[in-house]
């Protein structure tokens, strides 16, 4: 008898759903962009900033970058369906609904921008401009 018998957390449907969210967020790309943002902040600000500021910076970057990536995938879903490299992404495959992805992307992006503005109006404006350029330009 397995110690994990009856564990709902190992349900393959849930695991594949979480995996689909991970793919939708492009976690490696998001992580690299967050690292770039932190490095830019550190070079401009210097390292002696408080832990609260650093945590807010990282969280706002993760939310806004991840959210705008999801929104971009919503926008590109019909094109992704046609390309061999992208046809296995969650939206073209139907692993996640467009509505779920749109809600997730919107909430993450808005949360990241709001947090960025709370940290600094200039930082918020830069994050909002980055989201705009990612989605519109």
N, C-alpha and C. Protein backbone atom coordinates (compact mmCIF):
# COMPACT_ATOMS: atom_id res chain seq x y z
N UNK A 1 0.84 -1.18 0.00
CA UNK A 1 0.00 0.00 0.00
C UNK A 1 0.88 1.25 0.00
N UNK A 2 0.60 2.14 -0.86
CA UNK A 2 1.38 3.36 -1.00
C UNK A 2 0.98 4.39 0.04
N UNK A 3 1.95 5.13 0.52
CA UNK A 3 1.65 6.22 1.45
C UNK A 3 0.85 7.32 0.78
N UNK A 4 0.94 7.38 -0.55
CA UNK A 4 0.25 8.42 -1.29
C UNK A 4 -1.10 7.98 -1.83
N UNK A 5 -1.53 6.79 -1.49
CA UNK A 5 -2.80 6.30 -2.01
C UNK A 5 -3.92 7.26 -1.64
N UNK A 6 -4.75 7.54 -2.59
CA UNK A 6 -5.88 8.43 -2.36
C UNK A 6 -5.53 9.90 -2.38
N UNK A 7 -4.28 10.22 -2.66
CA UNK A 7 -3.87 11.62 -2.68
C UNK A 7 -4.40 12.29 -3.94
N UNK A 8 -5.20 13.33 -3.76
CA UNK A 8 -5.77 14.05 -4.89
C UNK A 8 -4.74 14.93 -5.58
N UNK A 9 -3.66 15.26 -4.89
CA UNK A 9 -2.68 16.15 -5.49
C UNK A 9 -1.90 15.48 -6.62
N UNK A 10 -1.98 14.15 -6.72
CA UNK A 10 -1.26 13.45 -7.79
C UNK A 10 -2.19 13.06 -8.93
N UNK A 11 -3.38 13.58 -8.96
CA UNK A 11 -4.33 13.33 -10.04
C UNK A 11 -3.69 13.80 -11.35
N UNK A 12 -3.55 12.92 -12.34
CA UNK A 12 -2.90 13.31 -13.60
C UNK A 12 -3.58 14.48 -14.29
N UNK A 13 -4.90 14.60 -14.16
CA UNK A 13 -5.59 15.73 -14.79
C UNK A 13 -5.15 17.04 -14.16
N UNK A 14 -5.00 17.05 -12.84
CA UNK A 14 -4.55 18.27 -12.17
C UNK A 14 -3.09 18.56 -12.50
N UNK A 15 -2.27 17.52 -12.52
CA UNK A 15 -0.86 17.71 -12.84
C UNK A 15 -0.72 18.28 -14.24
N UNK A 16 -1.45 17.74 -15.20
CA UNK A 16 -1.32 18.24 -16.56
C UNK A 16 -1.87 19.67 -16.67
N UNK A 17 -2.87 19.99 -15.87
CA UNK A 17 -3.41 21.35 -15.88
C UNK A 17 -2.37 22.34 -15.33
N UNK A 18 -1.71 21.98 -14.25
CA UNK A 18 -0.65 22.85 -13.70
C UNK A 18 0.49 22.98 -14.69
N UNK A 19 0.81 21.89 -15.36
CA UNK A 19 1.87 21.92 -16.37
C UNK A 19 1.48 22.87 -17.51
N UNK A 20 0.20 22.85 -17.90
CA UNK A 20 -0.28 23.74 -18.95
C UNK A 20 -0.14 25.20 -18.53
N UNK A 21 -0.44 25.49 -17.26
CA UNK A 21 -0.26 26.86 -16.77
C UNK A 21 1.22 27.25 -16.81
N UNK A 22 2.09 26.32 -16.44
CA UNK A 22 3.53 26.59 -16.49
C UNK A 22 4.01 26.89 -17.89
N UNK A 23 3.51 26.14 -18.86
CA UNK A 23 3.88 26.37 -20.25
C UNK A 23 3.35 27.73 -20.71
N UNK A 24 2.12 28.03 -20.31
CA UNK A 24 1.50 29.30 -20.70
C UNK A 24 2.29 30.49 -20.17
N UNK A 25 2.85 30.35 -18.98
CA UNK A 25 3.61 31.44 -18.36
C UNK A 25 5.04 31.56 -18.89
N UNK A 26 5.49 30.57 -19.65
CA UNK A 26 6.87 30.56 -20.15
C UNK A 26 7.84 30.88 -19.01
N UNK A 27 7.87 30.01 -18.02
CA UNK A 27 8.59 30.29 -16.78
C UNK A 27 10.08 30.58 -16.99
N UNK A 28 10.73 29.92 -17.91
CA UNK A 28 12.16 30.20 -18.14
C UNK A 28 12.34 31.61 -18.70
N UNK A 29 11.56 31.95 -19.71
CA UNK A 29 11.65 33.30 -20.29
C UNK A 29 11.30 34.36 -19.24
N UNK A 30 10.24 34.11 -18.48
CA UNK A 30 9.84 35.06 -17.43
C UNK A 30 10.95 35.22 -16.40
N UNK A 31 11.54 34.10 -15.99
CA UNK A 31 12.63 34.16 -15.01
C UNK A 31 13.83 34.95 -15.51
N UNK A 32 14.18 34.76 -16.77
CA UNK A 32 15.31 35.51 -17.34
C UNK A 32 15.00 37.00 -17.42
N UNK A 33 13.76 37.35 -17.78
CA UNK A 33 13.40 38.76 -17.84
C UNK A 33 13.34 39.39 -16.45
N UNK A 34 12.88 38.64 -15.46
CA UNK A 34 12.89 39.13 -14.07
C UNK A 34 14.33 39.38 -13.63
N UNK A 35 15.22 38.43 -13.92
CA UNK A 35 16.63 38.58 -13.57
C UNK A 35 17.22 39.82 -14.23
N UNK A 36 16.87 40.06 -15.48
CA UNK A 36 17.34 41.25 -16.19
C UNK A 36 16.83 42.52 -15.52
N UNK A 37 15.56 42.52 -15.14
CA UNK A 37 14.98 43.68 -14.45
C UNK A 37 15.64 43.94 -13.10
N UNK A 38 15.89 42.88 -12.35
CA UNK A 38 16.56 43.02 -11.05
C UNK A 38 17.98 43.55 -11.24
N UNK A 39 18.68 43.04 -12.24
CA UNK A 39 20.05 43.51 -12.50
C UNK A 39 20.04 44.99 -12.90
N UNK A 40 19.08 45.39 -13.72
CA UNK A 40 18.97 46.80 -14.09
C UNK A 40 18.68 47.68 -12.90
N UNK A 41 17.79 47.22 -12.03
CA UNK A 41 17.47 47.98 -10.82
C UNK A 41 18.70 48.09 -9.92
N UNK A 42 19.38 46.97 -9.74
CA UNK A 42 20.56 46.97 -8.87
C UNK A 42 21.64 47.90 -9.40
N UNK A 43 21.81 47.94 -10.71
CA UNK A 43 22.85 48.81 -11.27
C UNK A 43 22.47 50.28 -11.18
N UNK A 44 21.18 50.58 -11.22
CA UNK A 44 20.73 51.97 -11.12
C UNK A 44 20.58 52.42 -9.67
N UNK A 45 20.07 51.53 -8.83
CA UNK A 45 19.74 51.85 -7.44
C UNK A 45 20.89 51.57 -6.50
N UNK A 46 21.67 50.55 -6.80
CA UNK A 46 22.66 50.07 -5.86
C UNK A 46 22.02 49.00 -5.00
N UNK A 47 22.80 48.18 -4.38
CA UNK A 47 22.27 47.04 -3.64
C UNK A 47 21.66 47.34 -2.28
N UNK A 48 22.03 48.40 -1.57
CA UNK A 48 21.49 48.54 -0.21
C UNK A 48 20.03 49.03 -0.17
N UNK A 49 19.12 48.27 -0.74
CA UNK A 49 17.69 48.55 -0.63
C UNK A 49 17.09 47.52 0.33
N UNK A 50 15.97 47.86 0.93
CA UNK A 50 15.34 46.97 1.90
C UNK A 50 14.76 45.72 1.26
N UNK A 51 14.59 44.70 2.07
CA UNK A 51 14.04 43.43 1.61
C UNK A 51 12.64 43.61 1.04
N UNK A 52 11.85 44.47 1.64
CA UNK A 52 10.48 44.72 1.15
C UNK A 52 10.50 45.27 -0.27
N UNK A 53 11.42 46.17 -0.54
CA UNK A 53 11.54 46.74 -1.89
C UNK A 53 11.95 45.68 -2.90
N UNK A 54 12.94 44.85 -2.55
CA UNK A 54 13.39 43.80 -3.44
C UNK A 54 12.28 42.79 -3.70
N UNK A 55 11.57 42.40 -2.65
CA UNK A 55 10.47 41.44 -2.81
C UNK A 55 9.38 42.02 -3.70
N UNK A 56 9.04 43.29 -3.49
CA UNK A 56 8.04 43.94 -4.32
C UNK A 56 8.49 44.05 -5.77
N UNK A 57 9.75 44.36 -5.96
CA UNK A 57 10.31 44.46 -7.31
C UNK A 57 10.19 43.13 -8.03
N UNK A 58 10.65 42.07 -7.40
CA UNK A 58 10.62 40.74 -8.03
C UNK A 58 9.18 40.31 -8.29
N UNK A 59 8.30 40.50 -7.31
CA UNK A 59 6.91 40.09 -7.48
C UNK A 59 6.22 40.89 -8.59
N UNK A 60 6.44 42.19 -8.62
CA UNK A 60 5.80 43.00 -9.66
C UNK A 60 6.31 42.62 -11.05
N UNK A 61 7.59 42.33 -11.15
CA UNK A 61 8.15 41.89 -12.43
C UNK A 61 7.59 40.52 -12.84
N UNK A 62 7.54 39.58 -11.89
CA UNK A 62 7.01 38.26 -12.20
C UNK A 62 5.56 38.34 -12.67
N UNK A 63 4.76 39.12 -11.97
CA UNK A 63 3.35 39.23 -12.33
C UNK A 63 3.15 39.92 -13.67
N UNK A 64 3.81 41.04 -13.86
CA UNK A 64 3.59 41.79 -15.10
C UNK A 64 4.18 41.07 -16.32
N UNK A 65 5.35 40.49 -16.18
CA UNK A 65 5.97 39.77 -17.31
C UNK A 65 5.18 38.49 -17.59
N UNK A 66 4.90 37.72 -16.55
CA UNK A 66 4.14 36.48 -16.75
C UNK A 66 2.76 36.75 -17.30
N UNK A 67 2.09 37.76 -16.76
CA UNK A 67 0.74 38.08 -17.22
C UNK A 67 0.71 38.56 -18.66
N UNK A 68 1.65 39.40 -19.04
CA UNK A 68 1.66 39.88 -20.42
C UNK A 68 2.06 38.76 -21.38
N UNK A 69 2.85 37.81 -20.92
CA UNK A 69 3.18 36.64 -21.74
C UNK A 69 1.93 35.81 -22.00
N UNK A 70 1.12 35.61 -20.96
CA UNK A 70 -0.13 34.87 -21.12
C UNK A 70 -1.06 35.60 -22.09
N UNK A 71 -1.20 36.92 -21.93
CA UNK A 71 -2.06 37.69 -22.83
C UNK A 71 -1.56 37.63 -24.27
N UNK A 72 -0.26 37.62 -24.44
CA UNK A 72 0.31 37.49 -25.78
C UNK A 72 -0.02 36.13 -26.38
N UNK A 73 -0.01 35.09 -25.56
CA UNK A 73 -0.37 33.76 -26.06
C UNK A 73 -1.85 33.69 -26.42
N UNK A 74 -2.69 34.41 -25.68
CA UNK A 74 -4.11 34.46 -26.04
C UNK A 74 -4.25 35.11 -27.41
N UNK A 75 -3.55 36.20 -27.60
CA UNK A 75 -3.61 36.93 -28.87
C UNK A 75 -3.11 36.08 -30.04
N UNK A 76 -2.06 35.30 -29.81
CA UNK A 76 -1.42 34.52 -30.88
C UNK A 76 -1.96 33.10 -31.02
N UNK A 77 -3.00 32.74 -30.31
CA UNK A 77 -3.45 31.34 -30.29
C UNK A 77 -3.82 30.80 -31.68
N UNK A 78 -4.42 31.61 -32.53
CA UNK A 78 -4.80 31.13 -33.85
C UNK A 78 -3.58 30.93 -34.75
N UNK A 79 -2.59 31.77 -34.60
CA UNK A 79 -1.34 31.61 -35.36
C UNK A 79 -0.56 30.41 -34.81
N UNK A 80 -0.54 30.28 -33.48
CA UNK A 80 0.16 29.16 -32.85
C UNK A 80 -0.38 27.81 -33.32
N UNK A 81 -1.65 27.75 -33.58
CA UNK A 81 -2.28 26.51 -34.03
C UNK A 81 -1.72 26.05 -35.37
N UNK A 82 -1.24 26.98 -36.18
CA UNK A 82 -0.77 26.67 -37.53
C UNK A 82 0.72 26.34 -37.61
N UNK A 83 1.47 26.73 -36.61
CA UNK A 83 2.93 26.55 -36.66
C UNK A 83 3.34 25.28 -35.90
N UNK A 84 4.22 24.50 -36.49
CA UNK A 84 4.65 23.25 -35.87
C UNK A 84 5.30 23.49 -34.50
N UNK A 85 6.11 24.54 -34.41
CA UNK A 85 6.82 24.82 -33.16
C UNK A 85 5.88 25.19 -32.02
N UNK A 86 4.72 25.78 -32.32
CA UNK A 86 3.85 26.31 -31.28
C UNK A 86 2.49 25.61 -31.18
N UNK A 87 2.21 24.67 -32.06
CA UNK A 87 0.87 24.06 -32.08
C UNK A 87 0.56 23.21 -30.86
N UNK A 88 1.58 22.84 -30.09
CA UNK A 88 1.33 22.02 -28.90
C UNK A 88 1.19 22.85 -27.63
N UNK A 89 1.14 24.17 -27.75
CA UNK A 89 0.92 25.02 -26.58
C UNK A 89 -0.49 24.81 -26.04
N UNK A 90 -0.72 25.16 -24.77
CA UNK A 90 -2.00 24.85 -24.14
C UNK A 90 -3.25 25.43 -24.82
N UNK A 91 -3.20 26.63 -25.33
CA UNK A 91 -4.40 27.21 -25.93
C UNK A 91 -4.74 26.56 -27.28
N UNK A 92 -3.80 26.38 -28.20
CA UNK A 92 -4.15 25.69 -29.44
C UNK A 92 -4.60 24.24 -29.21
N UNK A 93 -4.05 23.61 -28.17
CA UNK A 93 -4.40 22.22 -27.86
C UNK A 93 -5.74 22.11 -27.11
N UNK A 94 -6.19 23.22 -26.54
CA UNK A 94 -7.43 23.19 -25.76
C UNK A 94 -7.24 22.70 -24.33
N UNK A 95 -5.99 22.64 -23.85
CA UNK A 95 -5.73 22.23 -22.47
C UNK A 95 -6.28 23.24 -21.48
N UNK A 96 -6.30 24.49 -21.88
CA UNK A 96 -6.87 25.57 -21.08
C UNK A 96 -7.79 26.38 -21.98
N UNK A 97 -8.82 26.96 -21.39
CA UNK A 97 -9.73 27.77 -22.20
C UNK A 97 -9.16 29.18 -22.38
N UNK A 98 -9.62 29.82 -23.44
CA UNK A 98 -9.22 31.19 -23.70
C UNK A 98 -9.66 32.09 -22.54
N UNK A 99 -10.85 31.84 -22.00
CA UNK A 99 -11.35 32.66 -20.90
C UNK A 99 -10.46 32.55 -19.66
N UNK A 100 -10.02 31.32 -19.33
CA UNK A 100 -9.13 31.16 -18.18
C UNK A 100 -7.82 31.90 -18.39
N UNK A 101 -7.26 31.74 -19.58
CA UNK A 101 -5.98 32.38 -19.88
C UNK A 101 -6.13 33.90 -19.86
N UNK A 102 -7.21 34.40 -20.42
CA UNK A 102 -7.46 35.85 -20.44
C UNK A 102 -7.61 36.39 -19.02
N UNK A 103 -8.34 35.67 -18.18
CA UNK A 103 -8.50 36.09 -16.79
C UNK A 103 -7.17 36.06 -16.04
N UNK A 104 -6.44 34.97 -16.19
CA UNK A 104 -5.14 34.84 -15.53
C UNK A 104 -4.19 35.95 -15.98
N UNK A 105 -4.07 36.14 -17.29
CA UNK A 105 -3.16 37.15 -17.82
C UNK A 105 -3.54 38.55 -17.38
N UNK A 106 -4.83 38.85 -17.39
CA UNK A 106 -5.30 40.19 -17.00
C UNK A 106 -5.04 40.45 -15.53
N UNK A 107 -5.38 39.49 -14.67
CA UNK A 107 -5.18 39.66 -13.23
C UNK A 107 -3.69 39.79 -12.88
N UNK A 108 -2.87 38.95 -13.50
CA UNK A 108 -1.43 39.01 -13.22
C UNK A 108 -0.84 40.33 -13.69
N UNK A 109 -1.18 40.73 -14.90
CA UNK A 109 -0.63 41.96 -15.45
C UNK A 109 -1.06 43.17 -14.64
N UNK A 110 -2.35 43.25 -14.33
CA UNK A 110 -2.86 44.37 -13.54
C UNK A 110 -2.23 44.39 -12.16
N UNK A 111 -2.11 43.22 -11.53
CA UNK A 111 -1.47 43.16 -10.22
C UNK A 111 -0.03 43.60 -10.24
N UNK A 112 0.70 43.19 -11.27
CA UNK A 112 2.10 43.58 -11.40
C UNK A 112 2.26 45.08 -11.61
N UNK A 113 1.41 45.66 -12.46
CA UNK A 113 1.48 47.10 -12.71
C UNK A 113 1.09 47.89 -11.47
N UNK A 114 0.02 47.47 -10.79
CA UNK A 114 -0.41 48.18 -9.57
C UNK A 114 0.67 48.13 -8.49
N UNK A 115 1.26 46.97 -8.31
CA UNK A 115 2.34 46.85 -7.32
C UNK A 115 3.53 47.71 -7.71
N UNK A 116 3.87 47.74 -8.99
CA UNK A 116 4.99 48.56 -9.45
C UNK A 116 4.72 50.04 -9.17
N UNK A 117 3.50 50.50 -9.44
CA UNK A 117 3.16 51.90 -9.14
C UNK A 117 3.22 52.18 -7.65
N UNK A 118 2.86 51.19 -6.85
CA UNK A 118 2.92 51.38 -5.39
C UNK A 118 4.37 51.52 -4.92
N UNK A 119 5.26 50.81 -5.56
CA UNK A 119 6.68 50.90 -5.20
C UNK A 119 7.26 52.25 -5.62
N UNK A 120 6.90 52.68 -6.84
CA UNK A 120 7.43 53.93 -7.37
C UNK A 120 6.62 54.30 -8.61
N UNK A 121 6.17 55.55 -8.71
CA UNK A 121 5.44 55.95 -9.91
C UNK A 121 6.27 55.79 -11.19
N UNK A 122 7.56 56.07 -11.12
CA UNK A 122 8.41 55.89 -12.30
C UNK A 122 8.52 54.42 -12.68
N UNK A 123 8.72 53.56 -11.68
CA UNK A 123 8.81 52.12 -11.93
C UNK A 123 7.48 51.61 -12.51
N UNK A 124 6.37 52.07 -11.97
CA UNK A 124 5.07 51.67 -12.48
C UNK A 124 4.87 52.09 -13.93
N UNK A 125 5.30 53.31 -14.25
CA UNK A 125 5.17 53.79 -15.63
C UNK A 125 6.05 52.96 -16.57
N UNK A 126 7.23 52.60 -16.13
CA UNK A 126 8.12 51.77 -16.96
C UNK A 126 7.53 50.38 -17.18
N UNK A 127 6.98 49.80 -16.13
CA UNK A 127 6.36 48.47 -16.26
C UNK A 127 5.15 48.54 -17.18
N UNK A 128 4.31 49.56 -17.00
CA UNK A 128 3.13 49.72 -17.86
C UNK A 128 3.54 49.92 -19.32
N UNK A 129 4.59 50.69 -19.55
CA UNK A 129 5.09 50.90 -20.91
C UNK A 129 5.60 49.58 -21.49
N UNK A 130 6.31 48.79 -20.68
CA UNK A 130 6.80 47.49 -21.15
C UNK A 130 5.67 46.56 -21.53
N UNK A 131 4.62 46.53 -20.72
CA UNK A 131 3.45 45.70 -21.03
C UNK A 131 2.80 46.19 -22.32
N UNK A 132 2.64 47.50 -22.44
CA UNK A 132 2.05 48.06 -23.65
C UNK A 132 2.84 47.66 -24.89
N UNK A 133 4.14 47.82 -24.84
CA UNK A 133 4.97 47.47 -26.00
C UNK A 133 4.93 45.97 -26.29
N UNK A 134 4.85 45.14 -25.25
CA UNK A 134 4.77 43.71 -25.46
C UNK A 134 3.46 43.30 -26.12
N UNK A 135 2.38 43.97 -25.77
CA UNK A 135 1.07 43.57 -26.26
C UNK A 135 0.60 44.31 -27.51
N UNK A 136 1.02 45.55 -27.68
CA UNK A 136 0.45 46.36 -28.75
C UNK A 136 1.42 46.60 -29.90
N UNK A 137 2.66 46.85 -29.58
CA UNK A 137 3.61 47.21 -30.63
C UNK A 137 4.20 45.98 -31.28
